[in-house]
Amino acid sequence: MSEAELIFTALAELSTRQIAESVEATGCRKFRGRGKGRTDSQEARLDLENKTGKSVVTGENFLPPPRNPKRLKGKNDE
């Protein structure tokens, strides 16, 4: 993920949580339909993309790949 993707994801999570807290939502039924923070973040992302002409969403991984990834042993490994 790019730096911008991480920022917009954090914005969506934070704003959704704060909206839920402000309406004192508890449980799934009360919370259903209260994901407004996600759409607020989406609007901000689309606005930035329109102004810059560049997509915020990328296919790149924000973290570098591990140098020596650990491999799990399978049934066919000795």
N, C-alpha and C. Protein backbone atom coordinates (compact mmCIF):
# COMPACT_ATOMS: atom_id res chain seq x y z
N MET A 1 0.83 -1.18 0.00
CA MET A 1 0.00 0.00 0.00
C MET A 1 0.88 1.25 0.00
N SER A 2 0.42 2.23 -0.68
CA SER A 2 1.16 3.49 -0.68
C SER A 2 0.87 4.26 0.60
N GLU A 3 1.65 5.29 0.84
CA GLU A 3 1.45 6.12 2.03
C GLU A 3 0.04 6.72 2.03
N ALA A 4 -0.42 7.18 0.87
CA ALA A 4 -1.75 7.76 0.76
C ALA A 4 -2.83 6.72 1.07
N GLU A 5 -2.67 5.49 0.59
CA GLU A 5 -3.64 4.43 0.87
C GLU A 5 -3.75 4.19 2.37
N LEU A 6 -2.61 4.15 3.05
CA LEU A 6 -2.62 3.94 4.49
C LEU A 6 -3.33 5.08 5.22
N ILE A 7 -3.09 6.31 4.78
CA ILE A 7 -3.71 7.47 5.41
C ILE A 7 -5.22 7.44 5.23
N PHE A 8 -5.70 7.17 4.02
CA PHE A 8 -7.14 7.14 3.78
C PHE A 8 -7.81 5.97 4.49
N THR A 9 -7.12 4.84 4.60
CA THR A 9 -7.66 3.70 5.35
C THR A 9 -7.80 4.05 6.82
N ALA A 10 -6.77 4.69 7.38
CA ALA A 10 -6.83 5.11 8.78
C ALA A 10 -7.94 6.13 8.99
N LEU A 11 -8.12 7.06 8.05
CA LEU A 11 -9.18 8.06 8.15
C LEU A 11 -10.55 7.37 8.17
N ALA A 12 -10.75 6.39 7.31
CA ALA A 12 -12.03 5.68 7.25
C ALA A 12 -12.31 4.96 8.57
N GLU A 13 -11.30 4.29 9.11
CA GLU A 13 -11.49 3.55 10.35
C GLU A 13 -11.76 4.50 11.52
N LEU A 14 -10.99 5.57 11.61
CA LEU A 14 -11.16 6.52 12.70
C LEU A 14 -12.52 7.21 12.64
N SER A 15 -12.89 7.70 11.49
CA SER A 15 -14.16 8.42 11.39
C SER A 15 -15.36 7.50 11.60
N THR A 16 -15.29 6.26 11.14
CA THR A 16 -16.38 5.30 11.37
C THR A 16 -16.52 5.02 12.85
N ARG A 17 -15.39 4.82 13.54
CA ARG A 17 -15.44 4.56 14.98
C ARG A 17 -16.00 5.75 15.74
N GLN A 18 -15.56 6.96 15.38
CA GLN A 18 -16.05 8.15 16.09
C GLN A 18 -17.54 8.38 15.85
N ILE A 19 -18.00 8.11 14.65
CA ILE A 19 -19.44 8.24 14.35
C ILE A 19 -20.22 7.23 15.18
N ALA A 20 -19.73 6.00 15.26
CA ALA A 20 -20.42 4.97 16.05
C ALA A 20 -20.45 5.36 17.52
N GLU A 21 -19.35 5.92 18.04
CA GLU A 21 -19.31 6.33 19.44
C GLU A 21 -20.27 7.49 19.69
N SER A 22 -20.39 8.40 18.74
CA SER A 22 -21.25 9.56 18.95
C SER A 22 -22.73 9.20 18.99
N VAL A 23 -23.10 8.12 18.33
CA VAL A 23 -24.50 7.67 18.36
C VAL A 23 -24.69 6.51 19.33
N GLU A 24 -23.62 6.20 20.07
CA GLU A 24 -23.63 5.14 21.07
C GLU A 24 -24.12 3.82 20.49
N ALA A 25 -23.59 3.47 19.34
CA ALA A 25 -23.97 2.21 18.69
C ALA A 25 -23.35 1.04 19.44
N THR A 26 -24.16 0.02 19.70
CA THR A 26 -23.65 -1.21 20.31
C THR A 26 -24.24 -2.38 19.55
N GLY A 27 -23.44 -3.37 19.32
CA GLY A 27 -23.91 -4.55 18.61
C GLY A 27 -24.04 -4.30 17.11
N CYS A 28 -24.28 -5.36 16.39
CA CYS A 28 -24.34 -5.28 14.93
C CYS A 28 -25.58 -4.56 14.42
N ARG A 29 -26.73 -4.77 15.03
CA ARG A 29 -27.96 -4.19 14.50
C ARG A 29 -27.95 -2.67 14.57
N LYS A 30 -27.54 -2.12 15.71
CA LYS A 30 -27.49 -0.66 15.82
C LYS A 30 -26.41 -0.07 14.93
N PHE A 31 -25.34 -0.82 14.74
CA PHE A 31 -24.21 -0.30 13.96
C PHE A 31 -24.45 -0.41 12.46
N ARG A 32 -25.32 -1.31 12.04
CA ARG A 32 -25.57 -1.51 10.61
C ARG A 32 -25.98 -0.19 9.96
N GLY A 33 -25.34 0.13 8.86
CA GLY A 33 -25.67 1.36 8.14
C GLY A 33 -24.98 2.59 8.69
N ARG A 34 -24.11 2.43 9.68
CA ARG A 34 -23.44 3.58 10.27
C ARG A 34 -22.01 3.73 9.76
N GLY A 35 -21.67 3.07 8.68
CA GLY A 35 -20.33 3.14 8.12
C GLY A 35 -20.09 4.39 7.31
N LYS A 36 -20.62 5.50 7.76
CA LYS A 36 -20.49 6.78 7.05
C LYS A 36 -19.04 7.21 6.92
N GLY A 37 -18.21 6.86 7.88
CA GLY A 37 -16.80 7.25 7.83
C GLY A 37 -16.11 6.73 6.58
N ARG A 38 -16.52 5.56 6.15
CA ARG A 38 -15.93 4.98 4.94
C ARG A 38 -16.26 5.85 3.74
N THR A 39 -17.49 6.30 3.62
CA THR A 39 -17.86 7.11 2.45
C THR A 39 -17.24 8.50 2.52
N ASP A 40 -17.06 9.04 3.73
CA ASP A 40 -16.37 10.33 3.87
C ASP A 40 -14.94 10.21 3.38
N SER A 41 -14.28 9.14 3.76
CA SER A 41 -12.90 8.90 3.34
C SER A 41 -12.83 8.67 1.84
N GLN A 42 -13.81 7.95 1.31
CA GLN A 42 -13.85 7.67 -0.12
C GLN A 42 -14.00 8.97 -0.91
N GLU A 43 -14.86 9.86 -0.43
CA GLU A 43 -15.03 11.15 -1.10
C GLU A 43 -13.73 11.96 -1.09
N ALA A 44 -13.02 11.94 0.04
CA ALA A 44 -11.75 12.66 0.15
C ALA A 44 -10.72 12.07 -0.81
N ARG A 45 -10.68 10.72 -0.89
CA ARG A 45 -9.74 10.07 -1.81
C ARG A 45 -10.06 10.42 -3.25
N LEU A 46 -11.32 10.35 -3.63
CA LEU A 46 -11.71 10.67 -5.01
C LEU A 46 -11.41 12.12 -5.34
N ASP A 47 -11.62 13.02 -4.38
CA ASP A 47 -11.31 14.43 -4.57
C ASP A 47 -9.82 14.62 -4.84
N LEU A 48 -8.97 13.95 -4.05
CA LEU A 48 -7.52 14.04 -4.26
C LEU A 48 -7.14 13.47 -5.62
N GLU A 49 -7.72 12.34 -5.99
CA GLU A 49 -7.41 11.74 -7.29
C GLU A 49 -7.81 12.67 -8.43
N ASN A 50 -8.95 13.33 -8.31
CA ASN A 50 -9.39 14.27 -9.35
C ASN A 50 -8.46 15.47 -9.45
N LYS A 51 -7.98 15.96 -8.33
CA LYS A 51 -7.10 17.14 -8.33
C LYS A 51 -5.70 16.82 -8.83
N THR A 52 -5.20 15.63 -8.51
CA THR A 52 -3.83 15.27 -8.92
C THR A 52 -3.78 14.52 -10.24
N GLY A 53 -4.90 13.92 -10.64
CA GLY A 53 -4.91 13.12 -11.86
C GLY A 53 -4.22 11.77 -11.68
N LYS A 54 -3.95 11.40 -10.42
CA LYS A 54 -3.27 10.13 -10.13
C LYS A 54 -4.12 9.31 -9.18
N SER A 55 -4.06 8.00 -9.37
CA SER A 55 -4.80 7.09 -8.50
C SER A 55 -4.06 6.93 -7.17
N VAL A 56 -4.81 6.94 -6.08
CA VAL A 56 -4.24 6.70 -4.77
C VAL A 56 -3.98 5.21 -4.57
N VAL A 57 -4.87 4.39 -5.09
CA VAL A 57 -4.77 2.95 -4.92
C VAL A 57 -3.70 2.40 -5.84
N THR A 58 -2.80 1.62 -5.26
CA THR A 58 -1.72 1.02 -6.04
C THR A 58 -1.69 -0.49 -5.78
N GLY A 59 -0.92 -1.18 -6.55
CA GLY A 59 -0.74 -2.61 -6.34
C GLY A 59 0.53 -2.91 -5.57
N GLU A 60 1.23 -1.87 -5.16
CA GLU A 60 2.49 -2.10 -4.47
C GLU A 60 2.27 -2.38 -2.99
N ASN A 61 3.21 -3.09 -2.41
CA ASN A 61 3.16 -3.40 -0.99
C ASN A 61 4.00 -2.36 -0.26
N PHE A 62 3.46 -1.75 0.80
CA PHE A 62 4.16 -0.69 1.52
C PHE A 62 5.41 -1.22 2.20
N LEU A 63 5.35 -2.45 2.71
CA LEU A 63 6.51 -3.04 3.38
C LEU A 63 7.38 -3.77 2.37
N PRO A 64 8.70 -3.71 2.56
CA PRO A 64 9.58 -4.47 1.65
C PRO A 64 9.39 -5.96 1.89
N PRO A 65 9.60 -6.76 0.86
CA PRO A 65 9.45 -8.21 1.05
C PRO A 65 10.52 -8.73 2.00
N PRO A 66 10.23 -9.79 2.75
CA PRO A 66 11.23 -10.33 3.68
C PRO A 66 12.43 -10.89 2.92
N ARG A 67 13.60 -10.79 3.53
CA ARG A 67 14.83 -11.29 2.88
C ARG A 67 14.82 -12.81 2.77
N ASN A 68 14.51 -13.47 3.84
CA ASN A 68 14.48 -14.94 3.86
C ASN A 68 13.13 -15.40 4.39
N PRO A 69 12.12 -15.47 3.51
CA PRO A 69 10.81 -15.87 4.01
C PRO A 69 10.84 -17.29 4.56
N LYS A 70 10.17 -17.48 5.69
CA LYS A 70 10.11 -18.81 6.30
C LYS A 70 9.12 -19.66 5.52
N ARG A 71 9.49 -20.88 5.30
CA ARG A 71 8.64 -21.81 4.57
C ARG A 71 8.13 -22.87 5.51
N LEU A 72 6.84 -23.14 5.45
CA LEU A 72 6.27 -24.20 6.25
C LEU A 72 6.50 -25.54 5.57
N LYS A 73 6.79 -26.54 6.36
CA LYS A 73 7.01 -27.86 5.80
C LYS A 73 5.66 -28.51 5.53
N GLY A 74 5.53 -29.07 4.35
CA GLY A 74 4.31 -29.76 3.97
C GLY A 74 4.46 -31.25 4.12
N LYS A 75 3.42 -32.00 3.75
CA LYS A 75 3.43 -33.45 3.87
C LYS A 75 4.49 -34.06 2.96
N ASN A 76 4.74 -33.44 1.82
CA ASN A 76 5.69 -34.01 0.85
C ASN A 76 7.13 -33.59 1.11
N ASP A 77 7.37 -32.66 2.04
CA ASP A 77 8.73 -32.22 2.37
C ASP A 77 9.35 -33.20 3.37
N GLU A 78 10.65 -33.40 3.24
CA GLU A 78 11.35 -34.30 4.17
C GLU A 78 12.11 -33.55 5.20
